[in-house]
């Protein structure tokens, strides 16, 4: 993961235009950040109450979780569409943490940001929040107890504590040929300030 403080960037590199032609017009607002898509990259632009040190610590937690789940993914067997499927949980790594002057809607905002690969597809969601029929069908396979088991697994396998995996922050991919469902965690909690290491 690259770490790029504001003062260590050239003057030209310190600015990024979120209204530019390479950035998708749709943005996704969360409790701590707004996510923009720039090609194959997700840019999380954090609210101004999040310090560089706080986001760097969170990114290190996400890195530890992603690395652990790559080596030893959380797995469970479920039934989906009347067939036995294997579920595998991974996490999307953060590739860069920095601070820039973001141009957006005519304003210049100095904010901490992270970069990670953009994951195509829908969020897992809760069944009652899903709009897509396949999304609803997959979401019904996972009770709140499933997310508790994932949180317990992460705490046992890493030094990262107080994760709160929410299906809104999980993307899914179905492989019917292999009878597998891949779940990719994009955030460790709705409020990332709670996440820490022991």
C-alpha atoms as a PDB file:
ATOM      1  CA  UNK A   1       0.000   0.000   0.000  1.00  0.00           C
ATOM      2  CA  UNK A   2       1.322   3.410  -0.964  1.00  0.00           C
ATOM      3  CA  UNK A   3       1.106   6.222   1.610  1.00  0.00           C
ATOM      4  CA  UNK A   4       1.156   9.729   0.118  1.00  0.00           C
ATOM      5  CA  UNK A   5       0.875  12.673   2.549  1.00  0.00           C
ATOM      6  CA  UNK A   6      -0.244  15.993   1.073  1.00  0.00           C
ATOM      7  CA  UNK A   7       3.115  17.769   1.466  1.00  0.00           C
ATOM      8  CA  UNK A   8       5.060  14.974  -0.254  1.00  0.00           C
ATOM      9  CA  UNK A   9       3.214  15.451  -3.557  1.00  0.00           C
ATOM     10  CA  UNK A  10       4.099  17.876  -6.323  1.00  0.00           C
ATOM     11  CA  UNK A  11       1.784  20.884  -6.649  1.00  0.00           C
ATOM     12  CA  UNK A  12       0.186  19.381  -9.775  1.00  0.00           C
ATOM     13  CA  UNK A  13      -0.387  15.992  -8.102  1.00  0.00           C
ATOM     14  CA  UNK A  14      -2.070  17.538  -5.055  1.00  0.00           C
ATOM     15  CA  UNK A  15      -5.238  18.341  -7.016  1.00  0.00           C
ATOM     16  CA  UNK A  16      -7.795  15.936  -8.482  1.00  0.00           C
ATOM     17  CA  UNK A  17     -10.930  16.915 -10.426  1.00  0.00           C
ATOM     18  CA  UNK A  18     -13.853  14.692  -9.413  1.00  0.00           C
ATOM     19  CA  UNK A  19     -15.916  16.344 -12.164  1.00  0.00           C
ATOM     20  CA  UNK A  20     -13.322  15.292 -14.749  1.00  0.00           C
ATOM     21  CA  UNK A  21     -14.078  13.136 -17.795  1.00  0.00           C
ATOM     22  CA  UNK A  22     -12.603   9.902 -16.379  1.00  0.00           C
ATOM     23  CA  UNK A  23     -14.724   9.925 -13.200  1.00  0.00           C
ATOM     24  CA  UNK A  24     -18.171   8.300 -13.325  1.00  0.00           C
ATOM     25  CA  UNK A  25     -21.031  10.675 -12.553  1.00  0.00           C
ATOM     26  CA  UNK A  26     -22.612   8.330 -10.001  1.00  0.00           C
ATOM     27  CA  UNK A  27     -21.198   8.561  -6.471  1.00  0.00           C
ATOM     28  CA  UNK A  28     -22.009   6.353  -3.492  1.00  0.00           C
ATOM     29  CA  UNK A  29     -22.386   8.038  -0.105  1.00  0.00           C
ATOM     30  CA  UNK A  30     -21.589   6.213   3.119  1.00  0.00           C
ATOM     31  CA  UNK A  31     -21.315   7.253   6.745  1.00  0.00           C
ATOM     32  CA  UNK A  32     -17.607   8.123   6.515  1.00  0.00           C
ATOM     33  CA  UNK A  33     -16.945   8.743   2.828  1.00  0.00           C
ATOM     34  CA  UNK A  34     -18.226   9.204  -0.697  1.00  0.00           C
ATOM     35  CA  UNK A  35     -17.041   6.649  -3.253  1.00  0.00           C
ATOM     36  CA  UNK A  36     -16.288   7.670  -6.834  1.00  0.00           C
ATOM     37  CA  UNK A  37     -15.356   5.409  -9.727  1.00  0.00           C
ATOM     38  CA  UNK A  38     -12.369   6.369 -11.862  1.00  0.00           C
ATOM     39  CA  UNK A  39     -11.965   3.594 -14.435  1.00  0.00           C
ATOM     40  CA  UNK A  40     -11.008   0.411 -12.575  1.00  0.00           C
ATOM     41  CA  UNK A  41     -10.343   2.310  -9.335  1.00  0.00           C
ATOM     42  CA  UNK A  42     -12.639   3.225  -6.445  1.00  0.00           C
ATOM     43  CA  UNK A  43     -11.778   6.554  -4.788  1.00  0.00           C
ATOM     44  CA  UNK A  44     -13.056   6.866  -1.210  1.00  0.00           C
ATOM     45  CA  UNK A  45     -13.090  10.575  -0.329  1.00  0.00           C
ATOM     46  CA  UNK A  46     -13.490  10.841   3.444  1.00  0.00           C
ATOM     47  CA  UNK A  47     -15.485  13.400   5.393  1.00  0.00           C
ATOM     48  CA  UNK A  48     -13.478  16.266   6.875  1.00  0.00           C
ATOM     49  CA  UNK A  49     -13.759  14.875  10.429  1.00  0.00           C
ATOM     50  CA  UNK A  50     -11.482  11.969   9.451  1.00  0.00           C
ATOM     51  CA  UNK A  51      -7.772  12.645   9.942  1.00  0.00           C
ATOM     52  CA  UNK A  52      -4.979  11.254   7.799  1.00  0.00           C
ATOM     53  CA  UNK A  53      -3.730   9.179  10.752  1.00  0.00           C
ATOM     54  CA  UNK A  54      -7.192   7.713  11.387  1.00  0.00           C
ATOM     55  CA  UNK A  55      -7.684   6.658   7.757  1.00  0.00           C
ATOM     56  CA  UNK A  56      -4.139   5.284   7.537  1.00  0.00           C
ATOM     57  CA  UNK A  57      -4.795   3.139  10.635  1.00  0.00           C
ATOM     58  CA  UNK A  58      -8.056   1.907   9.096  1.00  0.00           C
ATOM     59  CA  UNK A  59      -6.327   1.132   5.781  1.00  0.00           C
ATOM     60  CA  UNK A  60      -3.727  -0.927   7.651  1.00  0.00           C
ATOM     61  CA  UNK A  61      -6.565  -2.872   9.323  1.00  0.00           C
ATOM     62  CA  UNK A  62      -8.149  -3.477   5.913  1.00  0.00           C
ATOM     63  CA  UNK A  63      -4.793  -4.632   4.575  1.00  0.00           C
ATOM     64  CA  UNK A  64      -4.383  -7.115   7.424  1.00  0.00           C
ATOM     65  CA  UNK A  65      -7.888  -8.502   6.836  1.00  0.00           C
ATOM     66  CA  UNK A  66      -7.439  -8.710   3.044  1.00  0.00           C
ATOM     67  CA  UNK A  67      -4.089 -10.474   3.415  1.00  0.00           C
ATOM     68  CA  UNK A  68      -5.472 -12.939   5.970  1.00  0.00           C
ATOM     69  CA  UNK A  69      -8.561 -13.764   3.888  1.00  0.00           C
ATOM     70  CA  UNK A  70      -6.398 -14.290   0.794  1.00  0.00           C
ATOM     71  CA  UNK A  71      -4.348 -16.908   2.660  1.00  0.00           C
ATOM     72  CA  UNK A  72      -7.237 -18.415   4.643  1.00  0.00           C
ATOM     73  CA  UNK A  73     -10.642 -17.354   3.308  1.00  0.00           C
ATOM     74  CA  UNK A  74     -13.711 -17.712   5.503  1.00  0.00           C
ATOM     75  CA  UNK A  75     -15.865 -20.442   3.940  1.00  0.00           C
ATOM     76  CA  UNK A  76     -19.308 -21.903   4.584  1.00  0.00           C
ATOM     77  CA  UNK A  77     -21.647 -24.292   2.828  1.00  0.00           C
ATOM     78  CA  UNK A  78     -25.131 -22.986   2.003  1.00  0.00           C
ATOM     79  CA  UNK A  79     -28.093 -23.927  -0.158  1.00  0.00           C
ATOM     80  CA  UNK A  80     -28.797 -21.597  -3.064  1.00  0.00           C
ATOM     81  CA  UNK A  81     -31.508 -22.263  -5.659  1.00  0.00           C
ATOM     82  CA  UNK A  82     -31.964 -25.715  -4.111  1.00  0.00           C
ATOM     83  CA  UNK A  83     -28.307 -26.645  -4.745  1.00  0.00           C
ATOM     84  CA  UNK A  84     -25.363 -26.910  -2.354  1.00  0.00           C
ATOM     85  CA  UNK A  85     -22.977 -23.969  -2.792  1.00  0.00           C
ATOM     86  CA  UNK A  86     -19.713 -23.031  -1.123  1.00  0.00           C
ATOM     87  CA  UNK A  87     -19.373 -19.438   0.066  1.00  0.00           C
ATOM     88  CA  UNK A  88     -15.926 -17.849   0.192  1.00  0.00           C
ATOM     89  CA  UNK A  89     -15.292 -14.474   1.839  1.00  0.00           C
ATOM     90  CA  UNK A  90     -12.436 -12.182   0.768  1.00  0.00           C
ATOM     91  CA  UNK A  91     -11.699  -8.469   1.286  1.00  0.00           C
ATOM     92  CA  UNK A  92     -10.862  -5.754  -1.229  1.00  0.00           C
ATOM     93  CA  UNK A  93      -7.398  -4.317  -0.413  1.00  0.00           C
ATOM     94  CA  UNK A  94      -6.638  -0.610  -0.173  1.00  0.00           C
ATOM     95  CA  UNK A  95      -3.774   0.214  -2.533  1.00  0.00           C
ATOM     96  CA  UNK A  96      -3.151   3.869  -1.601  1.00  0.00           C
ATOM     97  CA  UNK A  97      -3.821   6.329   1.227  1.00  0.00           C
ATOM     98  CA  UNK A  98      -3.274  10.017   0.706  1.00  0.00           C
ATOM     99  CA  UNK A  99      -4.636  13.531   0.908  1.00  0.00           C
ATOM    100  CA  UNK A 100      -5.547  15.768  -2.006  1.00  0.00           C
ATOM    101  CA  UNK A 101      -7.366  18.934  -2.928  1.00  0.00           C
ATOM    102  CA  UNK A 102     -10.475  17.588  -4.646  1.00  0.00           C
ATOM    103  CA  UNK A 103     -12.370  19.780  -7.108  1.00  0.00           C
ATOM    104  CA  UNK A 104     -16.075  19.009  -7.009  1.00  0.00           C
ATOM    105  CA  UNK A 105     -19.047  21.099  -8.147  1.00  0.00           C
ATOM    106  CA  UNK A 106     -16.916  24.240  -8.240  1.00  0.00           C
ATOM    107  CA  UNK A 107     -15.499  23.812  -4.728  1.00  0.00           C
ATOM    108  CA  UNK A 108     -11.984  22.838  -3.650  1.00  0.00           C
ATOM    109  CA  UNK A 109     -11.997  20.455  -0.678  1.00  0.00           C
ATOM    110  CA  UNK A 110      -8.875  19.118   1.022  1.00  0.00           C
ATOM    111  CA  UNK A 111      -9.696  15.543   2.026  1.00  0.00           C
ATOM    112  CA  UNK A 112      -8.065  12.249   2.944  1.00  0.00           C
ATOM    113  CA  UNK A 113      -8.704   9.496   0.400  1.00  0.00           C
ATOM    114  CA  UNK A 114      -8.034   5.833  -0.280  1.00  0.00           C
ATOM    115  CA  UNK A 115      -7.794   3.944  -3.559  1.00  0.00           C
ATOM    116  CA  UNK A 116      -8.839   0.339  -4.111  1.00  0.00           C
ATOM    117  CA  UNK A 117      -9.849  -1.794  -7.091  1.00  0.00           C
ATOM    118  CA  UNK A 118     -13.420  -1.082  -8.209  1.00  0.00           C
ATOM    119  CA  UNK A 119     -15.519  -4.242  -7.804  1.00  0.00           C
ATOM    120  CA  UNK A 120     -18.200  -4.626 -10.460  1.00  0.00           C
ATOM    121  CA  UNK A 121     -21.630  -5.846  -9.476  1.00  0.00           C
ATOM    122  CA  UNK A 122     -24.256  -5.315  -6.821  1.00  0.00           C
ATOM    123  CA  UNK A 123     -23.847  -5.164  -3.085  1.00  0.00           C
ATOM    124  CA  UNK A 124     -25.155  -8.145  -1.177  1.00  0.00           C
ATOM    125  CA  UNK A 125     -27.621  -5.938   0.735  1.00  0.00           C
ATOM    126  CA  UNK A 126     -30.377  -6.992   3.131  1.00  0.00           C
ATOM    127  CA  UNK A 127     -33.247  -8.808   1.324  1.00  0.00           C
ATOM    128  CA  UNK A 128     -35.759  -6.004   1.939  1.00  0.00           C
ATOM    129  CA  UNK A 129     -33.346  -3.400   0.493  1.00  0.00           C
ATOM    130  CA  UNK A 130     -32.547  -5.371  -2.676  1.00  0.00           C
ATOM    131  CA  UNK A 131     -34.026  -4.246  -6.001  1.00  0.00           C
ATOM    132  CA  UNK A 132     -32.705  -7.058  -8.195  1.00  0.00           C
ATOM    133  CA  UNK A 133     -34.310 -10.531  -7.963  1.00  0.00           C
ATOM    134  CA  UNK A 134     -30.971 -12.373  -8.003  1.00  0.00           C
ATOM    135  CA  UNK A 135     -29.659  -9.966  -5.363  1.00  0.00           C
ATOM    136  CA  UNK A 136     -32.704 -10.750  -3.175  1.00  0.00           C
ATOM    137  CA  UNK A 137     -32.233 -14.499  -3.656  1.00  0.00           C
ATOM    138  CA  UNK A 138     -28.564 -14.346  -2.635  1.00  0.00           C
ATOM    139  CA  UNK A 139     -29.234 -11.978   0.274  1.00  0.00           C
ATOM    140  CA  UNK A 140     -31.806 -14.400   1.729  1.00  0.00           C
ATOM    141  CA  UNK A 141     -29.040 -17.016   2.127  1.00  0.00           C
ATOM    142  CA  UNK A 142     -27.251 -14.940   4.765  1.00  0.00           C
ATOM    143  CA  UNK A 143     -28.769 -14.236   8.180  1.00  0.00           C
ATOM    144  CA  UNK A 144     -27.357 -11.677  10.641  1.00  0.00           C
ATOM    145  CA  UNK A 145     -25.694 -14.660  12.386  1.00  0.00           C
ATOM    146  CA  UNK A 146     -23.598 -15.244   9.238  1.00  0.00           C
ATOM    147  CA  UNK A 147     -22.080 -11.763   9.536  1.00  0.00           C
ATOM    148  CA  UNK A 148     -21.428 -12.377  13.245  1.00  0.00           C
ATOM    149  CA  UNK A 149     -19.483 -15.528  12.309  1.00  0.00           C
ATOM    150  CA  UNK A 150     -17.424 -13.555   9.781  1.00  0.00           C
ATOM    151  CA  UNK A 151     -16.662 -10.871  12.409  1.00  0.00           C
ATOM    152  CA  UNK A 152     -15.644 -13.555  14.933  1.00  0.00           C
ATOM    153  CA  UNK A 153     -13.434 -15.241  12.328  1.00  0.00           C
ATOM    154  CA  UNK A 154     -11.663 -11.963  11.490  1.00  0.00           C
ATOM    155  CA  UNK A 155     -10.985 -11.274  15.156  1.00  0.00           C
ATOM    156  CA  UNK A 156      -9.594 -14.790  15.657  1.00  0.00           C
ATOM    157  CA  UNK A 157      -7.425 -14.738  12.501  1.00  0.00           C
ATOM    158  CA  UNK A 158      -6.117 -11.156  12.664  1.00  0.00           C
ATOM    159  CA  UNK A 159      -5.399  -8.521  15.304  1.00  0.00           C
ATOM    160  CA  UNK A 160      -8.246  -6.412  13.902  1.00  0.00           C
ATOM    161  CA  UNK A 161     -11.089  -5.792  16.362  1.00  0.00           C
ATOM    162  CA  UNK A 162     -14.612  -4.345  16.266  1.00  0.00           C
ATOM    163  CA  UNK A 163     -15.339  -5.094  12.635  1.00  0.00           C
ATOM    164  CA  UNK A 164     -19.036  -4.879  11.804  1.00  0.00           C
ATOM    165  CA  UNK A 165     -19.484  -6.474   8.386  1.00  0.00           C
ATOM    166  CA  UNK A 166     -22.654  -5.118   6.807  1.00  0.00           C
ATOM    167  CA  UNK A 167     -24.050  -6.640   3.585  1.00  0.00           C
ATOM    168  CA  UNK A 168     -24.223  -3.164   2.028  1.00  0.00           C
ATOM    169  CA  UNK A 169     -20.392  -3.239   2.161  1.00  0.00           C
ATOM    170  CA  UNK A 170     -20.123  -6.682   0.537  1.00  0.00           C
ATOM    171  CA  UNK A 171     -20.141  -7.381  -3.215  1.00  0.00           C
ATOM    172  CA  UNK A 172     -21.100 -10.835  -4.500  1.00  0.00           C
ATOM    173  CA  UNK A 173     -20.215 -12.948  -7.518  1.00  0.00           C
ATOM    174  CA  UNK A 174     -21.947 -16.222  -8.402  1.00  0.00           C
ATOM    175  CA  UNK A 175     -20.143 -19.044 -10.179  1.00  0.00           C
ATOM    176  CA  UNK A 176     -22.878 -21.550 -11.040  1.00  0.00           C
ATOM    177  CA  UNK A 177     -20.481 -23.894 -12.841  1.00  0.00           C
ATOM    178  CA  UNK A 178     -18.328 -24.257  -9.707  1.00  0.00           C
ATOM    179  CA  UNK A 179     -21.329 -23.850  -7.363  1.00  0.00           C
ATOM    180  CA  UNK A 180     -19.542 -21.059  -5.494  1.00  0.00           C
ATOM    181  CA  UNK A 181     -20.526 -17.619  -4.243  1.00  0.00           C
ATOM    182  CA  UNK A 182     -17.678 -15.190  -3.682  1.00  0.00           C
ATOM    183  CA  UNK A 183     -18.308 -12.381  -1.186  1.00  0.00           C
ATOM    184  CA  UNK A 184     -15.889  -9.431  -1.270  1.00  0.00           C
ATOM    185  CA  UNK A 185     -15.835  -7.084   1.736  1.00  0.00           C
ATOM    186  CA  UNK A 186     -15.347  -3.472   0.649  1.00  0.00           C
ATOM    187  CA  UNK A 187     -15.512  -1.894   4.146  1.00  0.00           C
ATOM    188  CA  UNK A 188     -14.977  -3.376   7.600  1.00  0.00           C
ATOM    189  CA  UNK A 189     -17.730  -1.364   9.338  1.00  0.00           C
ATOM    190  CA  UNK A 190     -20.300   1.334   8.683  1.00  0.00           C
ATOM    191  CA  UNK A 191     -18.364   3.575  11.081  1.00  0.00           C
ATOM    192  CA  UNK A 192     -14.693   2.882  10.426  1.00  0.00           C
ATOM    193  CA  UNK A 193     -13.555   4.791  13.510  1.00  0.00           C
ATOM    194  CA  UNK A 194     -14.558   1.794  15.616  1.00  0.00           C
ATOM    195  CA  UNK A 195     -12.143  -0.576  13.836  1.00  0.00           C
ATOM    196  CA  UNK A 196      -8.743  -1.020  15.503  1.00  0.00           C
ATOM    197  CA  UNK A 197      -5.958  -3.522  16.186  1.00  0.00           C
ATOM    198  CA  UNK A 198      -5.129  -5.133  19.514  1.00  0.00           C
END
